Amino acid sequence: MTEDSLNALNLRLKAFAQSRDWEQFHSPKNLSMALIAEAAELVEHFQWLTEEQSYNLSGSKHDEVAMEMADILIFLIRCAERLDIDLVAAANKKIEINEQRYPADKVRGDARRAAEYED
């Protein structure tokens, strides 16, 4: 296990919550609500920017965006832990599903939803 693995991060976050007696507040409902609030805070950083501006954030803005992303990751990992979901396995399963739904030779360069493609 490396220091930057999801498992190591999960263990650190769980210990953090347990040492503060916060697990009582960390229900899947509460964690998912916190996650969406943090996602909204992330979006606020990009609101009204052009596509190009969104790639060229100032140093301080870049750091603020990184902290919002960290909050999102933290709440996602905590929610997965509370529901006993292996995020890496779930992500790999979802990628496999998407590979079937969006075959590269059929959708390359086209951003429509799966149901919008003709067979």
Protein backbone atom coordinates (compact mmCIF):
# COMPACT_ATOMS: atom_id res chain seq x y z
CA MET A 1 0.00 0.00 0.00
CA THR A 2 1.45 3.34 -1.03
CA GLU A 3 0.96 6.54 0.94
CA ASP A 4 -1.14 8.02 -1.85
CA SER A 5 -3.47 5.06 -2.33
CA LEU A 6 -7.21 5.41 -1.88
CA ASN A 7 -7.01 2.78 0.83
CA ALA A 8 -4.43 4.75 2.82
CA LEU A 9 -6.47 7.93 2.39
CA ASN A 10 -9.60 6.08 3.51
CA LEU A 11 -7.87 4.82 6.65
CA ARG A 12 -6.59 8.32 7.46
CA LEU A 13 -10.04 9.87 6.93
CA LYS A 14 -11.73 7.19 9.03
CA ALA A 15 -9.26 7.73 11.88
CA PHE A 16 -9.79 11.50 11.60
CA ALA A 17 -13.57 11.10 11.91
CA GLN A 18 -13.38 8.51 14.68
CA SER A 19 -10.99 10.57 16.81
CA ARG A 20 -13.51 13.45 16.71
CA ASP A 21 -16.58 11.22 17.20
CA TRP A 22 -17.91 12.37 13.83
CA GLU A 23 -18.86 8.98 12.40
CA GLN A 24 -22.29 9.53 13.94
CA PHE A 25 -22.75 12.37 11.43
CA HIS A 26 -21.23 10.53 8.47
CA SER A 27 -24.29 8.78 7.11
CA PRO A 28 -24.42 8.17 3.36
CA LYS A 29 -27.18 10.79 3.18
CA ASN A 30 -25.17 13.46 4.98
CA LEU A 31 -21.95 12.67 3.16
CA SER A 32 -23.60 12.76 -0.27
CA MET A 33 -25.25 16.08 0.60
CA ALA A 34 -21.88 17.49 1.67
CA LEU A 35 -20.31 16.15 -1.52
CA ILE A 36 -22.83 17.94 -3.75
CA ALA A 37 -22.36 21.18 -1.80
CA GLU A 38 -18.60 20.96 -2.39
CA ALA A 39 -19.18 20.20 -6.08
CA ALA A 40 -21.25 23.38 -6.30
CA GLU A 41 -18.38 25.31 -4.70
CA LEU A 42 -16.05 23.88 -7.35
CA VAL A 43 -18.39 24.99 -10.14
CA GLU A 44 -18.46 28.55 -8.74
CA HIS A 45 -14.76 28.90 -9.51
CA PHE A 46 -15.45 28.31 -13.21
CA GLN A 47 -18.72 30.17 -13.55
CA TRP A 48 -18.51 32.90 -16.17
CA LEU A 49 -15.03 31.89 -17.34
CA THR A 50 -14.35 31.11 -20.97
CA GLU A 51 -13.10 27.63 -21.88
CA GLU A 52 -9.57 29.01 -22.23
CA GLN A 53 -9.72 30.86 -18.89
CA SER A 54 -10.80 27.66 -17.17
CA TYR A 55 -7.49 26.07 -18.23
CA ASN A 56 -5.39 29.06 -17.14
CA LEU A 57 -6.20 29.68 -13.50
CA SER A 58 -4.02 31.98 -11.43
CA GLY A 59 -1.87 30.32 -8.77
CA SER A 60 -4.21 31.17 -5.91
CA LYS A 61 -7.33 30.21 -7.88
CA HIS A 62 -5.67 26.93 -8.84
CA ASP A 63 -4.99 26.22 -5.16
CA GLU A 64 -8.60 27.03 -4.23
CA VAL A 65 -9.88 24.68 -6.95
CA ALA A 66 -7.54 21.95 -5.67
CA MET A 67 -8.99 22.32 -2.15
CA GLU A 68 -12.56 22.06 -3.47
CA MET A 69 -11.59 18.92 -5.37
CA ALA A 70 -9.99 17.54 -2.22
CA ASP A 71 -13.22 18.15 -0.30
CA ILE A 72 -15.17 16.29 -2.99
CA LEU A 73 -12.76 13.36 -2.88
CA ILE A 74 -12.85 13.25 0.91
CA PHE A 75 -16.63 13.09 1.08
CA LEU A 76 -16.76 10.53 -1.75
CA ILE A 77 -14.24 8.27 -0.03
CA ARG A 78 -16.06 8.58 3.31
CA CYS A 79 -19.41 7.75 1.68
CA ALA A 80 -17.91 4.73 -0.08
CA GLU A 81 -16.40 3.52 3.20
CA ARG A 82 -19.73 3.83 5.00
CA LEU A 83 -21.46 1.85 2.23
CA ASP A 84 -18.62 -0.70 1.82
CA ILE A 85 -18.05 0.23 -1.83
CA ASP A 86 -14.67 -0.32 -3.45
CA LEU A 87 -14.35 2.85 -5.52
CA VAL A 88 -11.56 1.54 -7.75
CA ALA A 89 -13.52 -1.62 -8.57
CA ALA A 90 -16.70 0.42 -9.16
CA ALA A 91 -14.83 2.86 -11.43
CA ASN A 92 -13.32 0.00 -13.45
CA LYS A 93 -16.75 -1.62 -13.81
CA LYS A 94 -18.23 1.71 -14.96
CA ILE A 95 -15.45 2.18 -17.52
CA GLU A 96 -16.21 -1.28 -18.92
CA ILE A 97 -19.91 -0.36 -19.19
CA ASN A 98 -19.02 2.93 -20.92
CA GLU A 99 -16.70 1.15 -23.34
CA GLN A 100 -19.70 -0.91 -24.45
CA ARG A 101 -22.11 2.04 -24.53
CA TYR A 102 -19.67 4.32 -26.36
CA PRO A 103 -17.54 2.27 -28.79
CA ALA A 104 -14.64 4.45 -29.94
CA ASP A 105 -15.20 3.77 -33.63
CA LYS A 106 -18.83 4.90 -33.32
CA VAL A 107 -18.56 7.97 -31.09
CA ARG A 108 -15.12 9.47 -31.72
CA GLY A 109 -15.39 13.28 -31.59
CA ASP A 110 -19.14 13.21 -30.81
CA ALA A 111 -20.41 14.09 -27.34
CA ARG A 112 -24.03 12.94 -27.53
CA ARG A 113 -25.58 10.69 -24.87
CA ALA A 114 -25.61 6.94 -25.55
CA ALA A 115 -29.35 6.84 -26.34
CA GLU A 116 -28.87 9.48 -29.06
CA TYR A 117 -26.69 7.31 -31.28
CA GLU A 118 -28.34 5.43 -34.09
CA ASP A 119 -27.66 1.71 -34.34
